[in-house]
Each structure stands twice: as C-alpha cells, then as structure tokens.
Amino acid sequence: MKFADVMQQFAADAADERVIEVPAHWGQGRAVFGGMAAALGMAHLQGAIPAAIPLRSVSVSFVAPLNSGEAVLRRRILRQGKSVVQAQVEIQQQGQIVLVALASFGAPRQSALQVAAPRAPDWQTPGIRLPDSEMAPEFTRHFDYQIQQGNAPFSGGKSRTLGGQIRFRGEFSAQVGVPELLALVDAWPPVSLGLMPGPAPASSLTWTLELLPQTQTFSGSDWWSYLANIEHGADGYHHIEAKCWAPDGSLIAISRQTVTVFA
C-alpha cells in the first residue's frame, strides 16, 4: 500500500479516538518503520488543530514495536493559547502503548528578529543509488535514495556523516505535508549503520523534529536533501543531529534522534 493510500484513513474523521489499520509492507525489523508510525500519529493529531497554526516541533517516543494490523489512536489538546497549541497523541496496540508524541503548534507572529537558515549542500558529484537489497528494511522499497556523502550501511566506513537526496518512489504528485515529511526524514538509515562492518540491528528510541515554515509547495516525487551527523556514540546509544531541505534548497526540518545500536 502506498503512503498516500494509508493517509486516506484520516480524510474525514473528527473523533479524538479512532481505530485504524496499520499497513503491511512498511516493516523495519520486527516493527513498522518509525517514520510511518510517527506519520500515523501526526495525521490523526492534525485533525484537531486549526490549519492556520502550523506544527513547530514534535517529540516522539517509540515505546514498543508497532505492527501491521489494527491499532487505536488517541489525541488530546493539553493547552490552547492565543498563538500556541500543545497537544499529545498516542498509539495503542493490543492493550499496550507503542508510541507517544508531544507536539507544539504555533501561529506566526510579527518579529523584527530574522536569522537566515543554511541552504542545502551543493553536492557536485552524482549520488550513489541505494539499491534494493534483502538486507535493507522492507519500507525502503517505497523510496529512492542517492547517497552523496558518508558511507552506505554496513560498509565499515569511518565517516560520522551521511547525506544525500531522497524522494517517494512511484507516488506523490500532491503537496508534501507533515506526515509525508516525517516519512522522508526518518527513511534514512542511522549514520551508525555505515560504521558497522556487517549487519546488526539499530532502532530509534526517541526522535524530535523541528519544522520551519514552507514558502512553496513541493511534491514527494521531487528530490529532498538530507544530511546527518553523529554527535556522540557510546554504551549502545548514538545521538544524531540531521537537517532536511526542500527541493528549492530551503531548510525545512531539523532532526535529533537517540538511536539504540546492538553492535
């Protein structure tokens, strides 16, 4: 099932609690791909927020594996002020909470302070396409990758960075919104995998994503740029900062993850 088809479940339901079908063929190890899990939660939460108040930041805790099949989503507004809305969404499956997200939405305000964001990297050489492989998680078949910087997963490299371009494969002529952006950012493998000489599992423990306002609309079939850096890694936990740029080169998202590695 394509990403756009999955999101159709949220087309016209205003209930704070609802049951959805988590799609198959979006697996990552023994769970559904984290970007899909977060996208499901945010798609449900956005239905309770006025369209004029964009998402500024979301913090996601991956409490337990989310599997394909039936799941229950619950959302609630924690506080709504003049400009800012604080809200929470959780996903429950088989009586267990598997994901919790806290989100902050903020309406634009007048401000004399303007600080320009860095533009997308200007990679001069062609990227290396990440081919389909039995070693790659199932969900990666829904994306096209071009590695422009750093090491491919399980190559035993030395680079602390990983970057390149990404797009949805075979879909998305429509505008990319928050759920699609969550999927695009999280679809990249952790930089940690490029340091490993052979296959070993890794998974996100927590994820915080800060969003910048879009000045244009873009399609998921366009190429989006991404660059991540390991800031520290020890004791089986790696701390990774990353940025994502829209197809016009404007910064669109700042990501921070705590990743558990088993190597």
C-alpha atoms as a PDB file:
ATOM      1  CA  MET A   1       0.000   0.000   0.000  1.00  0.00           C
ATOM      2  CA  LYS A   2       1.318   3.420  -0.952  1.00  0.00           C
ATOM      3  CA  PHE A   3       1.793   6.163   1.622  1.00  0.00           C
ATOM      4  CA  ALA A   4      -0.961   8.320   0.157  1.00  0.00           C
ATOM      5  CA  ASP A   5      -3.417   5.425   0.375  1.00  0.00           C
ATOM      6  CA  VAL A   6      -2.562   4.888   4.042  1.00  0.00           C
ATOM      7  CA  MET A   7      -3.250   8.557   4.817  1.00  0.00           C
ATOM      8  CA  GLN A   8      -6.736   8.317   3.310  1.00  0.00           C
ATOM      9  CA  GLN A   9      -7.844   6.772   6.607  1.00  0.00           C
ATOM     10  CA  PHE A  10      -7.701  10.252   8.118  1.00  0.00           C
ATOM     11  CA  ALA A  11      -9.741  12.061   5.465  1.00  0.00           C
ATOM     12  CA  ALA A  12     -12.958  12.836   7.323  1.00  0.00           C
ATOM     13  CA  ASP A  13     -12.971  11.724  10.952  1.00  0.00           C
ATOM     14  CA  ALA A  14     -13.176  14.276  13.779  1.00  0.00           C
ATOM     15  CA  ALA A  15     -13.192  11.770  16.656  1.00  0.00           C
ATOM     16  CA  ASP A  16     -10.401  12.087  19.233  1.00  0.00           C
ATOM     17  CA  GLU A  17     -10.200   8.304  19.479  1.00  0.00           C
ATOM     18  CA  ARG A  18     -10.281   6.114  16.416  1.00  0.00           C
ATOM     19  CA  VAL A  19      -9.252   2.708  15.140  1.00  0.00           C
ATOM     20  CA  ILE A  20      -7.033   2.479  12.076  1.00  0.00           C
ATOM     21  CA  GLU A  21      -5.367  -0.230  10.019  1.00  0.00           C
ATOM     22  CA  VAL A  22      -1.564  -0.090  10.192  1.00  0.00           C
ATOM     23  CA  PRO A  23      -0.326  -1.080   6.722  1.00  0.00           C
ATOM     24  CA  ALA A  24       1.697  -4.130   5.798  1.00  0.00           C
ATOM     25  CA  HIS A  25       4.876  -3.928   3.690  1.00  0.00           C
ATOM     26  CA  TRP A  26       6.233  -0.956   5.670  1.00  0.00           C
ATOM     27  CA  GLY A  27       8.331  -3.089   8.016  1.00  0.00           C
ATOM     28  CA  GLN A  28      11.622  -2.293   9.691  1.00  0.00           C
ATOM     29  CA  GLY A  29      12.880  -5.354  11.501  1.00  0.00           C
ATOM     30  CA  ARG A  30      10.151  -6.609  13.827  1.00  0.00           C
ATOM     31  CA  ALA A  31       8.146  -3.360  13.711  1.00  0.00           C
ATOM     32  CA  VAL A  32       6.594  -0.890  11.311  1.00  0.00           C
ATOM     33  CA  PHE A  33       9.007   1.792  10.053  1.00  0.00           C
ATOM     34  CA  GLY A  34       9.256   4.579  12.654  1.00  0.00           C
ATOM     35  CA  GLY A  35       8.543   7.336  10.136  1.00  0.00           C
ATOM     36  CA  MET A  36       5.255   5.654   9.240  1.00  0.00           C
ATOM     37  CA  ALA A  37       4.331   5.198  12.914  1.00  0.00           C
ATOM     38  CA  ALA A  38       5.021   8.875  13.636  1.00  0.00           C
ATOM     39  CA  ALA A  39       3.154   9.925  10.488  1.00  0.00           C
ATOM     40  CA  LEU A  40       0.063   7.974  11.555  1.00  0.00           C
ATOM     41  CA  GLY A  41       0.065   9.721  14.915  1.00  0.00           C
ATOM     42  CA  MET A  42       0.569  13.187  13.451  1.00  0.00           C
ATOM     43  CA  ALA A  43      -2.071  12.683  10.750  1.00  0.00           C
ATOM     44  CA  HIS A  44      -4.589  11.955  13.495  1.00  0.00           C
ATOM     45  CA  LEU A  45      -3.417  14.831  15.721  1.00  0.00           C
ATOM     46  CA  GLN A  46      -3.520  17.412  12.927  1.00  0.00           C
ATOM     47  CA  GLY A  47      -7.244  16.820  12.546  1.00  0.00           C
ATOM     48  CA  ALA A  48      -7.768  18.630  15.872  1.00  0.00           C
ATOM     49  CA  ILE A  49      -5.581  21.656  15.067  1.00  0.00           C
ATOM     50  CA  PRO A  50      -6.635  24.703  13.016  1.00  0.00           C
ATOM     51  CA  ALA A  51      -4.909  24.747   9.628  1.00  0.00           C
ATOM     52  CA  ALA A  52      -3.625  28.289  10.274  1.00  0.00           C
ATOM     53  CA  ILE A  53      -1.468  27.058  13.184  1.00  0.00           C
ATOM     54  CA  PRO A  54       1.439  25.039  11.743  1.00  0.00           C
ATOM     55  CA  LEU A  55       3.447  22.386  13.556  1.00  0.00           C
ATOM     56  CA  ARG A  56       6.675  23.785  15.010  1.00  0.00           C
ATOM     57  CA  SER A  57       8.059  20.814  16.940  1.00  0.00           C
ATOM     58  CA  VAL A  58       7.176  17.218  17.732  1.00  0.00           C
ATOM     59  CA  SER A  59       8.884  14.814  20.132  1.00  0.00           C
ATOM     60  CA  VAL A  60       8.231  11.110  19.582  1.00  0.00           C
ATOM     61  CA  SER A  61       8.939   8.219  21.952  1.00  0.00           C
ATOM     62  CA  PHE A  62       8.908   4.772  20.353  1.00  0.00           C
ATOM     63  CA  VAL A  63       7.692   2.874  23.411  1.00  0.00           C
ATOM     64  CA  ALA A  64       7.219  -0.563  21.823  1.00  0.00           C
ATOM     65  CA  PRO A  65       7.125  -2.088  18.314  1.00  0.00           C
ATOM     66  CA  LEU A  66       4.087  -1.149  16.200  1.00  0.00           C
ATOM     67  CA  ASN A  67       2.971  -3.985  13.915  1.00  0.00           C
ATOM     68  CA  SER A  68       0.683  -4.097  10.905  1.00  0.00           C
ATOM     69  CA  GLY A  69      -2.972  -4.585  11.732  1.00  0.00           C
ATOM     70  CA  GLU A  70      -5.475  -2.816  13.936  1.00  0.00           C
ATOM     71  CA  ALA A  71      -4.371   0.000  16.260  1.00  0.00           C
ATOM     72  CA  VAL A  72      -6.100   2.635  18.386  1.00  0.00           C
ATOM     73  CA  LEU A  73      -5.124   6.315  18.167  1.00  0.00           C
ATOM     74  CA  ARG A  74      -5.971   8.864  20.863  1.00  0.00           C
ATOM     75  CA  ARG A  75      -5.332  12.599  20.785  1.00  0.00           C
ATOM     76  CA  ARG A  76      -5.917  15.448  23.205  1.00  0.00           C
ATOM     77  CA  ILE A  77      -5.252  19.151  23.444  1.00  0.00           C
ATOM     78  CA  LEU A  78      -3.140  19.875  26.518  1.00  0.00           C
ATOM     79  CA  ARG A  79      -3.354  23.662  26.264  1.00  0.00           C
ATOM     80  CA  GLN A  80      -4.510  26.177  23.668  1.00  0.00           C
ATOM     81  CA  GLY A  81      -3.339  29.773  23.990  1.00  0.00           C
ATOM     82  CA  LYS A  82      -3.561  32.766  21.680  1.00  0.00           C
ATOM     83  CA  SER A  83      -0.728  31.602  19.446  1.00  0.00           C
ATOM     84  CA  VAL A  84       0.426  28.175  20.621  1.00  0.00           C
ATOM     85  CA  VAL A  85      -1.319  24.824  20.925  1.00  0.00           C
ATOM     86  CA  GLN A  86       0.266  21.992  22.904  1.00  0.00           C
ATOM     87  CA  ALA A  87      -1.121  18.542  22.102  1.00  0.00           C
ATOM     88  CA  GLN A  88      -0.494  14.831  22.570  1.00  0.00           C
ATOM     89  CA  VAL A  89      -1.206  11.718  20.545  1.00  0.00           C
ATOM     90  CA  GLU A  90      -0.654   8.084  21.381  1.00  0.00           C
ATOM     91  CA  ILE A  91      -0.947   4.818  19.512  1.00  0.00           C
ATOM     92  CA  GLN A  92      -2.057   1.691  21.332  1.00  0.00           C
ATOM     93  CA  GLN A  93      -1.995  -1.849  20.025  1.00  0.00           C
ATOM     94  CA  GLN A  94      -3.220  -4.981  21.789  1.00  0.00           C
ATOM     95  CA  GLY A  95      -3.705  -3.006  25.001  1.00  0.00           C
ATOM     96  CA  GLN A  96      -0.155  -1.611  25.058  1.00  0.00           C
ATOM     97  CA  ILE A  97       1.003   1.927  24.290  1.00  0.00           C
ATOM     98  CA  VAL A  98       3.526   1.708  21.443  1.00  0.00           C
ATOM     99  CA  LEU A  99       4.048   5.392  20.578  1.00  0.00           C
ATOM    100  CA  VAL A 100       3.573   8.729  22.347  1.00  0.00           C
ATOM    101  CA  ALA A 101       4.162  12.120  20.724  1.00  0.00           C
ATOM    102  CA  LEU A 102       4.052  15.635  22.167  1.00  0.00           C
ATOM    103  CA  ALA A 103       3.584  18.365  19.580  1.00  0.00           C
ATOM    104  CA  SER A 104       3.773  22.161  19.662  1.00  0.00           C
ATOM    105  CA  PHE A 105       1.865  24.193  17.073  1.00  0.00           C
ATOM    106  CA  GLY A 106       2.484  27.923  16.739  1.00  0.00           C
ATOM    107  CA  ALA A 107       0.778  30.647  14.718  1.00  0.00           C
ATOM    108  CA  PRO A 108       3.087  33.191  13.009  1.00  0.00           C
ATOM    109  CA  ARG A 109       3.881  36.349  14.987  1.00  0.00           C
ATOM    110  CA  GLN A 110       5.380  39.668  13.958  1.00  0.00           C
ATOM    111  CA  SER A 111       9.079  39.826  14.832  1.00  0.00           C
ATOM    112  CA  ALA A 112      11.989  42.109  13.984  1.00  0.00           C
ATOM    113  CA  LEU A 113      14.471  39.267  14.519  1.00  0.00           C
ATOM    114  CA  GLN A 114      15.257  37.303  11.381  1.00  0.00           C
ATOM    115  CA  VAL A 115      18.064  34.715  11.195  1.00  0.00           C
ATOM    116  CA  ALA A 116      18.680  33.001   7.864  1.00  0.00           C
ATOM    117  CA  ALA A 117      18.870  29.211   7.799  1.00  0.00           C
ATOM    118  CA  PRO A 118      21.697  27.347   5.997  1.00  0.00           C
ATOM    119  CA  ARG A 119      20.989  26.290   2.436  1.00  0.00           C
ATOM    120  CA  ALA A 120      21.144  22.706   1.188  1.00  0.00           C
ATOM    121  CA  PRO A 121      24.608  21.258   0.491  1.00  0.00           C
ATOM    122  CA  ASP A 122      25.840  21.751  -3.066  1.00  0.00           C
ATOM    123  CA  TRP A 123      26.960  18.248  -3.943  1.00  0.00           C
ATOM    124  CA  GLN A 124      28.941  18.332  -7.182  1.00  0.00           C
ATOM    125  CA  THR A 125      29.271  14.615  -7.858  1.00  0.00           C
ATOM    126  CA  PRO A 126      26.465  12.214  -8.805  1.00  0.00           C
ATOM    127  CA  GLY A 127      24.962  10.323  -5.907  1.00  0.00           C
ATOM    128  CA  ILE A 128      25.213   6.575  -5.381  1.00  0.00           C
ATOM    129  CA  ARG A 129      21.796   4.979  -5.719  1.00  0.00           C
ATOM    130  CA  LEU A 130      20.905   2.782  -2.763  1.00  0.00           C
ATOM    131  CA  PRO A 131      19.764  -0.450  -4.461  1.00  0.00           C
ATOM    132  CA  ASP A 132      17.017  -2.741  -3.241  1.00  0.00           C
ATOM    133  CA  SER A 133      18.537  -5.484  -1.136  1.00  0.00           C
ATOM    134  CA  GLU A 134      17.386  -8.336   1.066  1.00  0.00           C
ATOM    135  CA  MET A 135      19.469  -6.709   3.805  1.00  0.00           C
ATOM    136  CA  ALA A 136      17.514  -3.450   3.545  1.00  0.00           C
ATOM    137  CA  PRO A 137      14.309  -2.970   5.575  1.00  0.00           C
ATOM    138  CA  GLU A 138      11.055  -3.623   3.736  1.00  0.00           C
ATOM    139  CA  PHE A 139       9.894   0.007   3.853  1.00  0.00           C
ATOM    140  CA  THR A 140      12.870   1.253   1.808  1.00  0.00           C
ATOM    141  CA  ARG A 141      11.159  -0.045  -1.365  1.00  0.00           C
ATOM    142  CA  HIS A 142       8.853   2.977  -1.077  1.00  0.00           C
ATOM    143  CA  PHE A 143      11.747   5.454  -1.502  1.00  0.00           C
ATOM    144  CA  ASP A 144      14.555   6.324  -3.914  1.00  0.00           C
ATOM    145  CA  TYR A 145      17.887   7.265  -2.331  1.00  0.00           C
ATOM    146  CA  GLN A 146      21.047   8.927  -3.629  1.00  0.00           C
ATOM    147  CA  ILE A 147      23.965   8.853  -1.175  1.00  0.00           C
ATOM    148  CA  GLN A 148      26.131  11.930  -1.733  1.00  0.00           C
ATOM    149  CA  GLN A 149      28.169  11.911   1.477  1.00  0.00           C
ATOM    150  CA  GLY A 150      29.240   9.292   4.011  1.00  0.00           C
ATOM    151  CA  ASN A 151      29.090   5.518   3.962  1.00  0.00           C
ATOM    152  CA  ALA A 152      26.480   3.002   2.874  1.00  0.00           C
ATOM    153  CA  PRO A 153      25.026   0.836   5.676  1.00  0.00           C
ATOM    154  CA  PHE A 154      27.251  -1.998   6.935  1.00  0.00           C
ATOM    155  CA  SER A 155      30.236  -0.853   4.861  1.00  0.00           C
ATOM    156  CA  GLY A 156      32.577  -0.419   7.846  1.00  0.00           C
ATOM    157  CA  GLY A 157      33.339   3.197   6.941  1.00  0.00           C
ATOM    158  CA  LYS A 158      34.755   5.960   9.130  1.00  0.00           C
ATOM    159  CA  SER A 159      32.502   8.898   8.276  1.00  0.00           C
ATOM    160  CA  ARG A 160      30.387  10.412  11.057  1.00  0.00           C
ATOM    161  CA  THR A 161      28.052  11.919   8.450  1.00  0.00           C
ATOM    162  CA  LEU A 162      25.507  10.608   5.982  1.00  0.00           C
ATOM    163  CA  GLY A 163      23.754  12.707   3.388  1.00  0.00           C
ATOM    164  CA  GLY A 164      22.148  12.801   0.004  1.00  0.00           C
ATOM    165  CA  GLN A 165      18.781  13.064  -1.659  1.00  0.00           C
ATOM    166  CA  ILE A 166      15.515  11.176  -1.238  1.00  0.00           C
ATOM    167  CA  ARG A 167      12.057  11.020  -2.768  1.00  0.00           C
ATOM    168  CA  PHE A 168       8.991   8.793  -2.648  1.00  0.00           C
ATOM    169  CA  ARG A 169       9.065   6.064  -5.262  1.00  0.00           C
ATOM    170  CA  GLY A 170       6.211   5.900  -7.754  1.00  0.00           C
ATOM    171  CA  GLU A 171       3.796   8.257  -5.985  1.00  0.00           C
ATOM    172  CA  PHE A 172       3.104  11.758  -4.687  1.00  0.00           C
ATOM    173  CA  SER A 173       2.354  14.416  -7.198  1.00  0.00           C
ATOM    174  CA  ALA A 174       0.488  16.173  -4.371  1.00  0.00           C
ATOM    175  CA  GLN A 175       1.883  18.574  -1.791  1.00  0.00           C
ATOM    176  CA  VAL A 176       4.129  17.190   0.942  1.00  0.00           C
ATOM    177  CA  GLY A 177       2.619  17.857   4.367  1.00  0.00           C
ATOM    178  CA  VAL A 178       3.755  16.972   7.879  1.00  0.00           C
ATOM    179  CA  PRO A 179       3.107  13.179   7.700  1.00  0.00           C
ATOM    180  CA  GLU A 180       4.972  12.900   4.384  1.00  0.00           C
ATOM    181  CA  LEU A 181       7.867  14.966   5.728  1.00  0.00           C
ATOM    182  CA  LEU A 182       8.155  12.738   8.794  1.00  0.00           C
ATOM    183  CA  ALA A 183       8.465   9.740   6.499  1.00  0.00           C
ATOM    184  CA  LEU A 184      11.049  11.389   4.229  1.00  0.00           C
ATOM    185  CA  VAL A 185      13.300  12.426   7.126  1.00  0.00           C
ATOM    186  CA  ASP A 186      13.135   9.145   9.027  1.00  0.00           C
ATOM    187  CA  ALA A 187      13.541   6.971   5.934  1.00  0.00           C
ATOM    188  CA  TRP A 188      17.320   7.456   6.030  1.00  0.00           C
ATOM    189  CA  PRO A 189      19.305   4.766   7.859  1.00  0.00           C
ATOM    190  CA  PRO A 190      21.073   5.934  11.033  1.00  0.00           C
ATOM    191  CA  VAL A 191      24.609   7.126  10.335  1.00  0.00           C
ATOM    192  CA  SER A 192      25.703   4.446  12.808  1.00  0.00           C
ATOM    193  CA  LEU A 193      24.970   1.670  10.305  1.00  0.00           C
ATOM    194  CA  GLY A 194      27.694   2.967   7.971  1.00  0.00           C
ATOM    195  CA  LEU A 195      30.278   2.401  10.712  1.00  0.00           C
ATOM    196  CA  MET A 196      29.339  -1.259  11.118  1.00  0.00           C
ATOM    197  CA  PRO A 197      31.364  -3.828   9.113  1.00  0.00           C
ATOM    198  CA  GLY A 198      28.360  -6.147   8.877  1.00  0.00           C
ATOM    199  CA  PRO A 199      24.629  -6.349   9.569  1.00  0.00           C
ATOM    200  CA  ALA A 200      23.462  -5.504  13.088  1.00  0.00           C
ATOM    201  CA  PRO A 201      20.188  -4.061  14.358  1.00  0.00           C
ATOM    202  CA  ALA A 202      19.572  -0.465  15.370  1.00  0.00           C
ATOM    203  CA  SER A 203      16.372   1.396  16.209  1.00  0.00           C
ATOM    204  CA  SER A 204      15.177   4.846  17.239  1.00  0.00           C
ATOM    205  CA  LEU A 205      14.466   5.345  20.937  1.00  0.00           C
ATOM    206  CA  THR A 206      13.365   8.990  20.776  1.00  0.00           C
ATOM    207  CA  TRP A 207      13.011  11.481  17.945  1.00  0.00           C
ATOM    208  CA  THR A 208      12.490  15.237  17.958  1.00  0.00           C
ATOM    209  CA  LEU A 209      11.718  17.106  14.755  1.00  0.00           C
ATOM    210  CA  GLU A 210      11.532  20.901  14.454  1.00  0.00           C
ATOM    211  CA  LEU A 211       9.808  22.283  11.365  1.00  0.00           C
ATOM    212  CA  LEU A 212      10.354  25.546   9.524  1.00  0.00           C
ATOM    213  CA  PRO A 213       7.559  27.205   7.527  1.00  0.00           C
ATOM    214  CA  GLN A 214       7.389  26.280   3.835  1.00  0.00           C
ATOM    215  CA  THR A 215       7.374  29.171   1.399  1.00  0.00           C
ATOM    216  CA  GLN A 216       6.322  26.938  -1.505  1.00  0.00           C
ATOM    217  CA  THR A 217       4.607  23.616  -2.018  1.00  0.00           C
ATOM    218  CA  PHE A 218       6.561  20.630  -3.255  1.00  0.00           C
ATOM    219  CA  SER A 219       5.826  17.097  -4.339  1.00  0.00           C
ATOM    220  CA  GLY A 220       7.109  13.921  -2.752  1.00  0.00           C
ATOM    221  CA  SER A 221       8.355  12.879  -6.176  1.00  0.00           C
ATOM    222  CA  ASP A 222      10.853  15.792  -6.064  1.00  0.00           C
ATOM    223  CA  TRP A 223      14.310  15.207  -4.580  1.00  0.00           C
ATOM    224  CA  TRP A 224      14.677  16.344  -0.935  1.00  0.00           C
ATOM    225  CA  SER A 225      18.146  16.806   0.592  1.00  0.00           C
ATOM    226  CA  TYR A 226      19.284  15.340   3.908  1.00  0.00           C
ATOM    227  CA  LEU A 227      22.473  15.462   5.992  1.00  0.00           C
ATOM    228  CA  ALA A 228      23.027  13.759   9.367  1.00  0.00           C
ATOM    229  CA  ASN A 229      25.913  13.743  11.844  1.00  0.00           C
ATOM    230  CA  ILE A 230      26.694  11.555  14.871  1.00  0.00           C
ATOM    231  CA  GLU A 231      27.478  13.909  17.743  1.00  0.00           C
ATOM    232  CA  HIS A 232      28.260  11.148  20.257  1.00  0.00           C
ATOM    233  CA  GLY A 233      28.069   7.372  20.462  1.00  0.00           C
ATOM    234  CA  ALA A 234      28.787   5.048  23.398  1.00  0.00           C
ATOM    235  CA  ASP A 235      27.198   2.345  25.550  1.00  0.00           C
ATOM    236  CA  GLY A 236      24.923   1.276  22.695  1.00  0.00           C
ATOM    237  CA  TYR A 237      23.312   4.709  22.226  1.00  0.00           C
ATOM    238  CA  HIS A 238      24.113   7.164  19.441  1.00  0.00           C
ATOM    239  CA  HIS A 239      22.980  10.787  19.350  1.00  0.00           C
ATOM    240  CA  ILE A 240      22.362  12.025  15.817  1.00  0.00           C
ATOM    241  CA  GLU A 241      21.535  15.507  14.502  1.00  0.00           C
ATOM    242  CA  ALA A 242      20.215  15.951  10.966  1.00  0.00           C
ATOM    243  CA  LYS A 243      18.732  18.542   8.632  1.00  0.00           C
ATOM    244  CA  CYS A 244      16.347  18.217   5.694  1.00  0.00           C
ATOM    245  CA  TRP A 245      15.988  20.708   2.853  1.00  0.00           C
ATOM    246  CA  ALA A 246      13.124  21.183   0.417  1.00  0.00           C
ATOM    247  CA  PRO A 247      13.734  20.761  -3.332  1.00  0.00           C
ATOM    248  CA  ASP A 248      14.434  24.523  -3.670  1.00  0.00           C
ATOM    249  CA  GLY A 249      17.303  24.264  -1.158  1.00  0.00           C
ATOM    250  CA  SER A 250      15.471  25.874   1.781  1.00  0.00           C
ATOM    251  CA  LEU A 251      15.836  24.281   5.211  1.00  0.00           C
ATOM    252  CA  ILE A 252      12.567  22.611   6.182  1.00  0.00           C
ATOM    253  CA  ALA A 253      13.325  20.389   9.204  1.00  0.00           C
ATOM    254  CA  ILE A 254      15.875  19.887  11.994  1.00  0.00           C
ATOM    255  CA  SER A 255      16.007  16.401  13.478  1.00  0.00           C
ATOM    256  CA  ARG A 256      17.550  14.884  16.601  1.00  0.00           C
ATOM    257  CA  GLN A 257      17.454  11.176  17.410  1.00  0.00           C
ATOM    258  CA  THR A 258      18.667   8.872  20.126  1.00  0.00           C
ATOM    259  CA  VAL A 259      19.377   5.569  18.395  1.00  0.00           C
ATOM    260  CA  THR A 260      19.995   2.242  20.119  1.00  0.00           C
ATOM    261  CA  VAL A 261      22.616   0.128  18.372  1.00  0.00           C
ATOM    262  CA  PHE A 262      23.381  -3.530  19.010  1.00  0.00           C
ATOM    263  CA  ALA A 263      26.974  -3.698  17.800  1.00  0.00           C
END
